[in-house]
Each structure stands twice: as structure tokens, then as C-alpha cells.
């Protein structure tokens, strides 16, 4: 069976969320946002389980990226503010995924 790229699924969900926001479907917008962030978290966990990532380096990168999105969300308005805030939360959520993975590895050893 072919493995699905969860980042592509997450981006597709994000596009659906933005489309539903423009159509005025606020409930669908929130549902697709939650689903897309869950897909990004699952993709990150797969990368961590494969051992292809340096956790400390990626945490620093995600923190800087999240900070940039946080600053962008303060100075933009409308849809761009919502999208920047979403990416801010996603970046720090992925740091949380990294921390959970590290803690689980420490308990197994």
C-alpha cells in the first residue's frame, strides 16, 4: 500500500479551511483547521519515529518561525491575521510533539 504524505493532506485541509472561510462557513473552517494541524502533527511524529530529525535544531527553527508568524499576525488584519495565528499555533504545537516524543523515548530507555 502506498504511504500518504500527511503534509500534503494537511495543506489540502488548510486550503479547504480558507475556502470555507471565504464562503462564510465558520464551522467548517474551524473543523478543517483542526484537521490540518492534526495532519501536520502526525507527519512530524512520523519523521521523529524514523529518526530523520535533530529535535533541538528543529525546535529552535520552529520557535523562530512561530515568532515570525506571531509578529506577522499582530501587524496584519483579516484572513492573513487568522492564517498567521494558525501557523503560530501550529509551530508551537509541533514543538509540543517534539517534547512528547523526547519524553516517551526517555521513559523507554
PDB file of N, CA and C in Angstrom:
ATOM      1  N   UNK A   1       0.841  -1.180   0.000  1.00  0.00           N
ATOM      2  CA  UNK A   1       0.000   0.000   0.000  1.00  0.00           C
ATOM      3  C   UNK A   1       0.889   1.248   0.000  1.00  0.00           C
ATOM      4  N   UNK A   2       0.503   2.235  -0.774  1.00  0.00           N
ATOM      5  CA  UNK A   2       1.290   3.453  -0.896  1.00  0.00           C
ATOM      6  C   UNK A   2       1.097   4.328   0.334  1.00  0.00           C
ATOM      7  N   UNK A   3       2.201   4.859   0.850  1.00  0.00           N
ATOM      8  CA  UNK A   3       2.160   5.715   2.024  1.00  0.00           C
ATOM      9  C   UNK A   3       1.717   7.125   1.626  1.00  0.00           C
ATOM     10  N   UNK A   4       0.787   7.687   2.382  1.00  0.00           N
ATOM     11  CA  UNK A   4       0.248   9.007   2.093  1.00  0.00           C
ATOM     12  C   UNK A   4       1.131  10.062   2.757  1.00  0.00           C
ATOM     13  N   UNK A   5       1.453  11.121   2.031  1.00  0.00           N
ATOM     14  CA  UNK A   5       2.203  12.222   2.596  1.00  0.00           C
ATOM     15  C   UNK A   5       1.235  13.090   3.406  1.00  0.00           C
ATOM     16  N   UNK A   6       1.391  13.063   4.715  1.00  0.00           N
ATOM     17  CA  UNK A   6       0.454  13.765   5.586  1.00  0.00           C
ATOM     18  C   UNK A   6       0.580  15.280   5.489  1.00  0.00           C
ATOM     19  N   UNK A   7       1.747  15.780   5.096  1.00  0.00           N
ATOM     20  CA  UNK A   7       1.880  17.227   4.908  1.00  0.00           C
ATOM     21  C   UNK A   7       1.016  17.708   3.743  1.00  0.00           C
ATOM     22  N   UNK A   8       0.926  16.910   2.683  1.00  0.00           N
ATOM     23  CA  UNK A   8       0.072  17.268   1.551  1.00  0.00           C
ATOM     24  C   UNK A   8      -1.394  17.250   1.976  1.00  0.00           C
ATOM     25  N   UNK A   9      -1.772  16.266   2.770  1.00  0.00           N
ATOM     26  CA  UNK A   9      -3.145  16.194   3.274  1.00  0.00           C
ATOM     27  C   UNK A   9      -3.432  17.400   4.177  1.00  0.00           C
ATOM     28  N   UNK A  10      -2.460  17.769   5.024  1.00  0.00           N
ATOM     29  CA  UNK A  10      -2.636  18.921   5.893  1.00  0.00           C
ATOM     30  C   UNK A  10      -2.787  20.214   5.117  1.00  0.00           C
ATOM     31  N   UNK A  11      -1.973  20.386   4.067  1.00  0.00           N
ATOM     32  CA  UNK A  11      -2.105  21.584   3.232  1.00  0.00           C
ATOM     33  C   UNK A  11      -3.435  21.601   2.486  1.00  0.00           C
ATOM     34  N   UNK A  12      -3.900  20.431   2.065  1.00  0.00           N
ATOM     35  CA  UNK A  12      -5.205  20.356   1.409  1.00  0.00           C
ATOM     36  C   UNK A  12      -6.320  20.754   2.369  1.00  0.00           C
ATOM     37  N   UNK A  13      -6.218  20.297   3.606  1.00  0.00           N
ATOM     38  CA  UNK A  13      -7.207  20.679   4.612  1.00  0.00           C
ATOM     39  C   UNK A  13      -7.154  22.190   4.882  1.00  0.00           C
ATOM     40  N   UNK A  14      -5.957  22.754   4.861  1.00  0.00           N
ATOM     41  CA  UNK A  14      -5.809  24.185   5.072  1.00  0.00           C
ATOM     42  C   UNK A  14      -6.447  24.970   3.929  1.00  0.00           C
ATOM     43  N   UNK A  15      -6.273  24.502   2.704  1.00  0.00           N
ATOM     44  CA  UNK A  15      -6.912  25.150   1.558  1.00  0.00           C
ATOM     45  C   UNK A  15      -8.427  25.060   1.685  1.00  0.00           C
ATOM     46  N   UNK A  16      -8.927  23.908   2.114  1.00  0.00           N
ATOM     47  CA  UNK A  16     -10.365  23.770   2.335  1.00  0.00           C
ATOM     48  C   UNK A  16     -10.851  24.707   3.440  1.00  0.00           C
ATOM     49  N   UNK A  17     -10.029  24.886   4.473  1.00  0.00           N
ATOM     50  CA  UNK A  17     -10.402  25.796   5.555  1.00  0.00           C
ATOM     51  C   UNK A  17     -10.496  27.228   5.049  1.00  0.00           C
ATOM     52  N   UNK A  18      -9.514  27.654   4.272  1.00  0.00           N
ATOM     53  CA  UNK A  18      -9.530  29.017   3.745  1.00  0.00           C
ATOM     54  C   UNK A  18     -10.706  29.218   2.793  1.00  0.00           C
ATOM     55  N   UNK A  19     -10.978  28.213   1.978  1.00  0.00           N
ATOM     56  CA  UNK A  19     -12.116  28.287   1.063  1.00  0.00           C
ATOM     57  C   UNK A  19     -13.427  28.385   1.830  1.00  0.00           C
ATOM     58  N   UNK A  20     -13.563  27.593   2.864  1.00  0.00           N
ATOM     59  CA  UNK A  20     -14.808  27.643   3.640  1.00  0.00           C
ATOM     60  C   UNK A  20     -14.938  28.958   4.402  1.00  0.00           C
ATOM     61  N   UNK A  21     -13.808  29.581   4.766  1.00  0.00           N
ATOM     62  CA  UNK A  21     -13.870  30.896   5.410  1.00  0.00           C
ATOM     63  C   UNK A  21     -14.391  31.938   4.426  1.00  0.00           C
ATOM     64  N   UNK A  22     -13.920  31.886   3.184  1.00  0.00           N
ATOM     65  CA  UNK A  22     -14.404  32.830   2.173  1.00  0.00           C
ATOM     66  C   UNK A  22     -15.866  32.590   1.819  1.00  0.00           C
ATOM     67  N   UNK A  23     -16.310  31.348   1.931  1.00  0.00           N
ATOM     68  CA  UNK A  23     -17.713  31.023   1.650  1.00  0.00           C
ATOM     69  C   UNK A  23     -18.632  31.340   2.824  1.00  0.00           C
ATOM     70  N   UNK A  24     -18.066  31.688   3.975  1.00  0.00           N
ATOM     71  CA  UNK A  24     -18.871  32.030   5.144  1.00  0.00           C
ATOM     72  C   UNK A  24     -19.262  30.840   6.002  1.00  0.00           C
ATOM     73  N   UNK A  25     -18.572  29.728   5.864  1.00  0.00           N
ATOM     74  CA  UNK A  25     -18.865  28.521   6.644  1.00  0.00           C
ATOM     75  C   UNK A  25     -17.883  28.439   7.810  1.00  0.00           C
ATOM     76  N   UNK A  26     -18.202  29.145   8.885  1.00  0.00           N
ATOM     77  CA  UNK A  26     -17.271  29.238  10.012  1.00  0.00           C
ATOM     78  C   UNK A  26     -17.037  27.901  10.702  1.00  0.00           C
ATOM     79  N   UNK A  27     -18.078  27.091  10.825  1.00  0.00           N
ATOM     80  CA  UNK A  27     -17.920  25.787  11.470  1.00  0.00           C
ATOM     81  C   UNK A  27     -16.993  24.877  10.669  1.00  0.00           C
ATOM     82  N   UNK A  28     -17.184  24.845   9.359  1.00  0.00           N
ATOM     83  CA  UNK A  28     -16.313  24.037   8.503  1.00  0.00           C
ATOM     84  C   UNK A  28     -14.886  24.565   8.546  1.00  0.00           C
ATOM     85  N   UNK A  29     -14.741  25.881   8.628  1.00  0.00           N
ATOM     86  CA  UNK A  29     -13.418  26.493   8.724  1.00  0.00           C
ATOM     87  C   UNK A  29     -12.676  25.976   9.948  1.00  0.00           C
ATOM     88  N   UNK A  30     -13.330  25.995  11.088  1.00  0.00           N
ATOM     89  CA  UNK A  30     -12.692  25.527  12.324  1.00  0.00           C
ATOM     90  C   UNK A  30     -12.378  24.037  12.280  1.00  0.00           C
ATOM     91  N   UNK A  31     -13.279  23.259  11.721  1.00  0.00           N
ATOM     92  CA  UNK A  31     -13.060  21.810  11.625  1.00  0.00           C
ATOM     93  C   UNK A  31     -11.863  21.511  10.734  1.00  0.00           C
ATOM     94  N   UNK A  32     -11.788  22.171   9.582  1.00  0.00           N
ATOM     95  CA  UNK A  32     -10.655  21.935   8.684  1.00  0.00           C
ATOM     96  C   UNK A  32      -9.339  22.430   9.275  1.00  0.00           C
ATOM     97  N   UNK A  33      -9.375  23.510  10.060  1.00  0.00           N
ATOM     98  CA  UNK A  33      -8.155  23.971  10.725  1.00  0.00           C
ATOM     99  C   UNK A  33      -7.648  22.937  11.722  1.00  0.00           C
ATOM    100  N   UNK A  34      -8.554  22.387  12.511  1.00  0.00           N
ATOM    101  CA  UNK A  34      -8.167  21.369  13.484  1.00  0.00           C
ATOM    102  C   UNK A  34      -7.616  20.138  12.781  1.00  0.00           C
ATOM    103  N   UNK A  35      -8.276  19.712  11.724  1.00  0.00           N
ATOM    104  CA  UNK A  35      -7.817  18.541  10.982  1.00  0.00           C
ATOM    105  C   UNK A  35      -6.464  18.776  10.329  1.00  0.00           C
ATOM    106  N   UNK A  36      -6.242  19.967   9.793  1.00  0.00           N
ATOM    107  CA  UNK A  36      -4.960  20.222   9.141  1.00  0.00           C
ATOM    108  C   UNK A  36      -3.825  20.257  10.157  1.00  0.00           C
ATOM    109  N   UNK A  37      -4.060  20.841  11.320  1.00  0.00           N
ATOM    110  CA  UNK A  37      -2.995  20.846  12.337  1.00  0.00           C
ATOM    111  C   UNK A  37      -2.735  19.434  12.857  1.00  0.00           C
ATOM    112  N   UNK A  38      -3.773  18.610  12.923  1.00  0.00           N
ATOM    113  CA  UNK A  38      -3.575  17.222  13.334  1.00  0.00           C
ATOM    114  C   UNK A  38      -2.740  16.463  12.301  1.00  0.00           C
ATOM    115  N   UNK A  39      -2.948  16.750  11.026  1.00  0.00           N
ATOM    116  CA  UNK A  39      -2.163  16.106   9.974  1.00  0.00           C
ATOM    117  C   UNK A  39      -0.703  16.539  10.049  1.00  0.00           C
ATOM    118  N   UNK A  40      -0.463  17.821  10.301  1.00  0.00           N
ATOM    119  CA  UNK A  40       0.911  18.297  10.440  1.00  0.00           C
ATOM    120  C   UNK A  40       1.596  17.643  11.641  1.00  0.00           C
ATOM    121  N   UNK A  41       0.870  17.496  12.743  1.00  0.00           N
ATOM    122  CA  UNK A  41       1.426  16.831  13.924  1.00  0.00           C
ATOM    123  C   UNK A  41       1.723  15.364  13.673  1.00  0.00           C
ATOM    124  N   UNK A  42       0.839  14.688  12.957  1.00  0.00           N
ATOM    125  CA  UNK A  42       1.068  13.271  12.644  1.00  0.00           C
ATOM    126  C   UNK A  42       2.260  13.109  11.699  1.00  0.00           C
ATOM    127  N   UNK A  43       2.395  14.009  10.743  1.00  0.00           N
ATOM    128  CA  UNK A  43       3.551  13.949   9.836  1.00  0.00           C
ATOM    129  C   UNK A  43       4.839  14.180  10.605  1.00  0.00           C
ATOM    130  N   UNK A  44       4.822  15.097  11.552  1.00  0.00           N
ATOM    131  CA  UNK A  44       6.015  15.370  12.360  1.00  0.00           C
ATOM    132  C   UNK A  44       6.377  14.158  13.209  1.00  0.00           C
ATOM    133  N   UNK A  45       5.383  13.514  13.782  1.00  0.00           N
ATOM    134  CA  UNK A  45       5.638  12.333  14.597  1.00  0.00           C
ATOM    135  C   UNK A  45       6.222  11.207  13.750  1.00  0.00           C
ATOM    136  N   UNK A  46       5.760  11.056  12.509  1.00  0.00           N
ATOM    137  CA  UNK A  46       6.333  10.040  11.613  1.00  0.00           C
ATOM    138  C   UNK A  46       7.799  10.316  11.331  1.00  0.00           C
ATOM    139  N   UNK A  47       8.147  11.595  11.114  1.00  0.00           N
ATOM    140  CA  UNK A  47       9.542  11.955  10.868  1.00  0.00           C
ATOM    141  C   UNK A  47      10.394  11.655  12.098  1.00  0.00           C
ATOM    142  N   UNK A  48       9.858  11.960  13.270  1.00  0.00           N
ATOM    143  CA  UNK A  48      10.598  11.711  14.507  1.00  0.00           C
ATOM    144  C   UNK A  48      10.788  10.213  14.745  1.00  0.00           C
ATOM    145  N   UNK A  49       9.779   9.424  14.445  1.00  0.00           N
ATOM    146  CA  UNK A  49       9.876   7.987  14.660  1.00  0.00           C
ATOM    147  C   UNK A  49      10.859   7.338  13.686  1.00  0.00           C
ATOM    148  N   UNK A  50      11.024   7.933  12.506  1.00  0.00           N
ATOM    149  CA  UNK A  50      12.003   7.420  11.553  1.00  0.00           C
ATOM    150  C   UNK A  50      13.420   7.809  11.922  1.00  0.00           C
ATOM    151  N   UNK A  51      13.572   8.741  12.859  1.00  0.00           N
ATOM    152  CA  UNK A  51      14.890   9.170  13.310  1.00  0.00           C
ATOM    153  C   UNK A  51      15.617  10.057  12.320  1.00  0.00           C
ATOM    154  N   UNK A  52      14.882  10.781  11.503  1.00  0.00           N
ATOM    155  CA  UNK A  52      15.485  11.602  10.465  1.00  0.00           C
ATOM    156  C   UNK A  52      15.652  13.066  10.872  1.00  0.00           C
ATOM    157  N   UNK A  53      15.456  13.396  12.134  1.00  0.00           N
ATOM    158  CA  UNK A  53      15.439  14.800  12.506  1.00  0.00           C
ATOM    159  C   UNK A  53      16.222  15.050  13.786  1.00  0.00           C
ATOM    160  N   UNK A  54      16.871  16.201  13.845  1.00  0.00           N
ATOM    161  CA  UNK A  54      17.526  16.669  15.051  1.00  0.00           C
ATOM    162  C   UNK A  54      16.503  17.499  15.822  1.00  0.00           C
ATOM    163  N   UNK A  55      16.082  17.017  16.984  1.00  0.00           N
ATOM    164  CA  UNK A  55      14.977  17.641  17.703  1.00  0.00           C
ATOM    165  C   UNK A  55      15.325  19.033  18.191  1.00  0.00           C
ATOM    166  N   UNK A  56      16.502  19.229  18.732  1.00  0.00           N
ATOM    167  CA  UNK A  56      16.874  20.557  19.252  1.00  0.00           C
ATOM    168  C   UNK A  56      16.942  21.597  18.141  1.00  0.00           C
ATOM    169  N   UNK A  57      17.504  21.211  17.020  1.00  0.00           N
ATOM    170  CA  UNK A  57      17.618  22.136  15.897  1.00  0.00           C
ATOM    171  C   UNK A  57      16.233  22.481  15.345  1.00  0.00           C
ATOM    172  N   UNK A  58      15.373  21.485  15.236  1.00  0.00           N
ATOM    173  CA  UNK A  58      14.043  21.749  14.702  1.00  0.00           C
ATOM    174  C   UNK A  58      13.196  22.550  15.684  1.00  0.00           C
ATOM    175  N   UNK A  59      13.393  22.340  16.996  1.00  0.00           N
ATOM    176  CA  UNK A  59      12.672  23.155  17.972  1.00  0.00           C
ATOM    177  C   UNK A  59      13.057  24.622  17.856  1.00  0.00           C
ATOM    178  N   UNK A  60      14.351  24.889  17.687  1.00  0.00           N
ATOM    179  CA  UNK A  60      14.800  26.276  17.538  1.00  0.00           C
ATOM    180  C   UNK A  60      14.234  26.896  16.266  1.00  0.00           C
ATOM    181  N   UNK A  61      14.243  26.132  15.180  1.00  0.00           N
ATOM    182  CA  UNK A  61      13.698  26.624  13.920  1.00  0.00           C
ATOM    183  C   UNK A  61      12.199  26.880  14.024  1.00  0.00           C
ATOM    184  N   UNK A  62      11.478  25.955  14.646  1.00  0.00           N
ATOM    185  CA  UNK A  62      10.035  26.133  14.811  1.00  0.00           C
ATOM    186  C   UNK A  62       9.718  27.310  15.715  1.00  0.00           C
ATOM    187  N   UNK A  63      10.526  27.532  16.755  1.00  0.00           N
ATOM    188  CA  UNK A  63      10.297  28.673  17.641  1.00  0.00           C
ATOM    189  C   UNK A  63      10.508  29.991  16.904  1.00  0.00           C
ATOM    190  N   UNK A  64      11.564  30.078  16.091  1.00  0.00           N
ATOM    191  CA  UNK A  64      11.798  31.297  15.312  1.00  0.00           C
ATOM    192  C   UNK A  64      10.702  31.515  14.274  1.00  0.00           C
ATOM    193  N   UNK A  65      10.288  30.448  13.625  1.00  0.00           N
ATOM    194  CA  UNK A  65       9.220  30.551  12.649  1.00  0.00           C
ATOM    195  C   UNK A  65       7.904  30.958  13.320  1.00  0.00           C
ATOM    196  N   UNK A  66       7.615  30.376  14.480  1.00  0.00           N
ATOM    197  CA  UNK A  66       6.418  30.742  15.224  1.00  0.00           C
ATOM    198  C   UNK A  66       6.444  32.187  15.668  1.00  0.00           C
ATOM    199  N   UNK A  67       7.608  32.655  16.087  1.00  0.00           N
ATOM    200  CA  UNK A  67       7.755  34.053  16.477  1.00  0.00           C
ATOM    201  C   UNK A  67       7.499  34.973  15.287  1.00  0.00           C
ATOM    202  N   UNK A  68       8.017  34.604  14.126  1.00  0.00           N
ATOM    203  CA  UNK A  68       7.786  35.406  12.921  1.00  0.00           C
ATOM    204  C   UNK A  68       6.294  35.452  12.571  1.00  0.00           C
ATOM    205  N   UNK A  69       5.623  34.318  12.667  1.00  0.00           N
ATOM    206  CA  UNK A  69       4.187  34.303  12.392  1.00  0.00           C
ATOM    207  C   UNK A  69       3.414  35.084  13.447  1.00  0.00           C
ATOM    208  N   UNK A  70       3.862  35.046  14.696  1.00  0.00           N
ATOM    209  CA  UNK A  70       3.206  35.823  15.745  1.00  0.00           C
ATOM    210  C   UNK A  70       3.320  37.313  15.501  1.00  0.00           C
ATOM    211  N   UNK A  71       4.489  37.750  15.095  1.00  0.00           N
ATOM    212  CA  UNK A  71       4.677  39.167  14.776  1.00  0.00           C
ATOM    213  C   UNK A  71       3.848  39.543  13.547  1.00  0.00           C
ATOM    214  N   UNK A  72       3.824  38.657  12.557  1.00  0.00           N
ATOM    215  CA  UNK A  72       3.025  38.926  11.358  1.00  0.00           C
ATOM    216  C   UNK A  72       1.540  39.025  11.696  1.00  0.00           C
ATOM    217  N   UNK A  73       1.076  38.206  12.634  1.00  0.00           N
ATOM    218  CA  UNK A  73      -0.347  38.256  12.981  1.00  0.00           C
ATOM    219  C   UNK A  73      -0.714  39.534  13.718  1.00  0.00           C
ATOM    220  N   UNK A  74       0.272  40.167  14.369  1.00  0.00           N
ATOM    221  CA  UNK A  74      -0.016  41.427  15.061  1.00  0.00           C
ATOM    222  C   UNK A  74      -0.155  42.594  14.085  1.00  0.00           C
ATOM    223  N   UNK A  75       0.512  42.503  12.946  1.00  0.00           N
ATOM    224  CA  UNK A  75       0.536  43.635  12.032  1.00  0.00           C
ATOM    225  C   UNK A  75      -0.296  43.441  10.775  1.00  0.00           C
ATOM    226  N   UNK A  76      -1.026  42.358  10.694  1.00  0.00           N
ATOM    227  CA  UNK A  76      -1.917  42.135   9.558  1.00  0.00           C
ATOM    228  C   UNK A  76      -3.347  42.107  10.061  1.00  0.00           C
ATOM    229  N   UNK A  77      -4.281  42.084   9.147  1.00  0.00           N
ATOM    230  CA  UNK A  77      -5.683  42.027   9.552  1.00  0.00           C
ATOM    231  C   UNK A  77      -6.437  41.083   8.625  1.00  0.00           C
ATOM    232  N   UNK A  78      -7.602  40.709   9.060  1.00  0.00           N
ATOM    233  CA  UNK A  78      -8.464  39.861   8.249  1.00  0.00           C
ATOM    234  C   UNK A  78      -7.987  38.432   8.160  1.00  0.00           C
ATOM    235  N   UNK A  79      -8.034  37.886   6.974  1.00  0.00           N
ATOM    236  CA  UNK A  79      -7.697  36.487   6.746  1.00  0.00           C
ATOM    237  C   UNK A  79      -6.221  36.227   7.038  1.00  0.00           C
ATOM    238  N   UNK A  80      -5.365  37.180   6.686  1.00  0.00           N
ATOM    239  CA  UNK A  80      -3.932  36.993   6.920  1.00  0.00           C
ATOM    240  C   UNK A  80      -3.610  36.911   8.409  1.00  0.00           C
ATOM    241  N   UNK A  81      -4.357  37.627   9.212  1.00  0.00           N
ATOM    242  CA  UNK A  81      -4.173  37.547  10.664  1.00  0.00           C
ATOM    243  C   UNK A  81      -4.549  36.168  11.180  1.00  0.00           C
ATOM    244  N   UNK A  82      -5.643  35.635  10.686  1.00  0.00           N
ATOM    245  CA  UNK A  82      -6.101  34.307  11.104  1.00  0.00           C
ATOM    246  C   UNK A  82      -5.109  33.232  10.669  1.00  0.00           C
ATOM    247  N   UNK A  83      -4.640  33.325   9.449  1.00  0.00           N
ATOM    248  CA  UNK A  83      -3.698  32.324   8.935  1.00  0.00           C
ATOM    249  C   UNK A  83      -2.366  32.411   9.680  1.00  0.00           C
ATOM    250  N   UNK A  84      -1.890  33.629   9.939  1.00  0.00           N
ATOM    251  CA  UNK A  84      -0.636  33.782  10.696  1.00  0.00           C
ATOM    252  C   UNK A  84      -0.786  33.244  12.109  1.00  0.00           C
ATOM    253  N   UNK A  85      -1.920  33.487  12.730  1.00  0.00           N
ATOM    254  CA  UNK A  85      -2.158  32.955  14.070  1.00  0.00           C
ATOM    255  C   UNK A  85      -2.227  31.434  14.064  1.00  0.00           C
ATOM    256  N   UNK A  86      -2.821  30.875  13.006  1.00  0.00           N
ATOM    257  CA  UNK A  86      -2.878  29.423  12.881  1.00  0.00           C
ATOM    258  C   UNK A  86      -1.474  28.832  12.793  1.00  0.00           C
ATOM    259  N   UNK A  87      -0.625  29.427  11.950  1.00  0.00           N
ATOM    260  CA  UNK A  87       0.735  28.914  11.815  1.00  0.00           C
ATOM    261  C   UNK A  87       1.552  29.130  13.085  1.00  0.00           C
ATOM    262  N   UNK A  88       1.272  30.204  13.818  1.00  0.00           N
ATOM    263  CA  UNK A  88       1.911  30.406  15.120  1.00  0.00           C
ATOM    264  C   UNK A  88       1.576  29.242  16.045  1.00  0.00           C
ATOM    265  N   UNK A  89       0.311  28.906  16.139  1.00  0.00           N
ATOM    266  CA  UNK A  89      -0.109  27.795  16.991  1.00  0.00           C
ATOM    267  C   UNK A  89       0.412  26.457  16.508  1.00  0.00           C
ATOM    268  N   UNK A  90       0.465  26.276  15.201  1.00  0.00           N
ATOM    269  CA  UNK A  90       0.966  25.022  14.641  1.00  0.00           C
ATOM    270  C   UNK A  90       2.448  24.843  14.939  1.00  0.00           C
ATOM    271  N   UNK A  91       3.226  25.907  14.806  1.00  0.00           N
ATOM    272  CA  UNK A  91       4.668  25.816  15.088  1.00  0.00           C
ATOM    273  C   UNK A  91       4.905  25.419  16.541  1.00  0.00           C
ATOM    274  N   UNK A  92       4.211  26.067  17.468  1.00  0.00           N
ATOM    275  CA  UNK A  92       4.416  25.730  18.870  1.00  0.00           C
ATOM    276  C   UNK A  92       3.778  24.389  19.228  1.00  0.00           C
ATOM    277  N   UNK A  93       2.746  23.989  18.491  1.00  0.00           N
ATOM    278  CA  UNK A  93       2.194  22.651  18.670  1.00  0.00           C
ATOM    279  C   UNK A  93       3.167  21.571  18.227  1.00  0.00           C
ATOM    280  N   UNK A  94       3.909  21.831  17.157  1.00  0.00           N
ATOM    281  CA  UNK A  94       4.917  20.874  16.697  1.00  0.00           C
ATOM    282  C   UNK A  94       6.079  20.782  17.679  1.00  0.00           C
ATOM    283  N   UNK A  95       6.382  21.883  18.343  1.00  0.00           N
ATOM    284  CA  UNK A  95       7.385  21.817  19.418  1.00  0.00           C
ATOM    285  C   UNK A  95       6.872  20.912  20.533  1.00  0.00           C
ATOM    286  N   UNK A  96       5.590  20.997  20.819  1.00  0.00           N
ATOM    287  CA  UNK A  96       4.986  20.105  21.805  1.00  0.00           C
ATOM    288  C   UNK A  96       5.069  18.648  21.384  1.00  0.00           C
ATOM    289  N   UNK A  97       4.868  18.371  20.100  1.00  0.00           N
ATOM    290  CA  UNK A  97       5.001  16.998  19.590  1.00  0.00           C
ATOM    291  C   UNK A  97       6.423  16.507  19.802  1.00  0.00           C
ATOM    292  N   UNK A  98       7.400  17.374  19.521  1.00  0.00           N
ATOM    293  CA  UNK A  98       8.798  17.010  19.751  1.00  0.00           C
ATOM    294  C   UNK A  98       9.059  16.687  21.216  1.00  0.00           C
ATOM    295  N   UNK A  99       8.503  17.492  22.109  1.00  0.00           N
ATOM    296  CA  UNK A  99       8.712  17.271  23.541  1.00  0.00           C
ATOM    297  C   UNK A  99       8.070  15.964  23.999  1.00  0.00           C
ATOM    298  N   UNK A 100       6.896  15.659  23.490  1.00  0.00           N
ATOM    299  CA  UNK A 100       6.231  14.399  23.829  1.00  0.00           C
ATOM    300  C   UNK A 100       7.065  13.220  23.346  1.00  0.00           C
ATOM    301  N   UNK A 101       7.602  13.325  22.138  1.00  0.00           N
ATOM    302  CA  UNK A 101       8.431  12.256  21.595  1.00  0.00           C
ATOM    303  C   UNK A 101       9.684  12.055  22.441  1.00  0.00           C
ATOM    304  N   UNK A 102      10.332  13.156  22.849  1.00  0.00           N
ATOM    305  CA  UNK A 102      11.527  13.053  23.690  1.00  0.00           C
ATOM    306  C   UNK A 102      11.214  12.398  25.026  1.00  0.00           C
ATOM    307  N   UNK A 103      10.095  12.799  25.622  1.00  0.00           N
ATOM    308  CA  UNK A 103       9.723  12.242  26.920  1.00  0.00           C
ATOM    309  C   UNK A 103       9.431  10.744  26.811  1.00  0.00           C
ATOM    310  N   UNK A 104       8.766  10.333  25.754  1.00  0.00           N
ATOM    311  CA  UNK A 104       8.474   8.909  25.554  1.00  0.00           C
ATOM    312  C   UNK A 104       9.749   8.111  25.341  1.00  0.00           C
ATOM    313  N   UNK A 105      10.705   8.689  24.624  1.00  0.00           N
ATOM    314  CA  UNK A 105      11.983   7.994  24.418  1.00  0.00           C
ATOM    315  C   UNK A 105      12.764   7.863  25.704  1.00  0.00           C
ATOM    316  N   UNK A 106      12.714   8.854  26.578  1.00  0.00           N
ATOM    317  CA  UNK A 106      13.415   8.794  27.864  1.00  0.00           C
ATOM    318  C   UNK A 106      12.814   7.711  28.762  1.00  0.00           C
ATOM    319  N   UNK A 107      11.499   7.541  28.724  1.00  0.00           N
ATOM    320  CA  UNK A 107      10.837   6.547  29.549  1.00  0.00           C
ATOM    321  C   UNK A 107      11.128   5.141  29.062  1.00  0.00           C
ATOM    322  N   UNK A 108      11.302   4.970  27.749  1.00  0.00           N
ATOM    323  CA  UNK A 108      11.573   3.643  27.200  1.00  0.00           C
ATOM    324  C   UNK A 108      12.993   3.189  27.522  1.00  0.00           C
ATOM    325  N   UNK A 109      13.923   4.123  27.657  1.00  0.00           N
ATOM    326  CA  UNK A 109      15.333   3.768  27.906  1.00  0.00           C
ATOM    327  C   UNK A 109      15.565   3.390  29.317  1.00  0.00           C
TER     328      UNK A 109
END
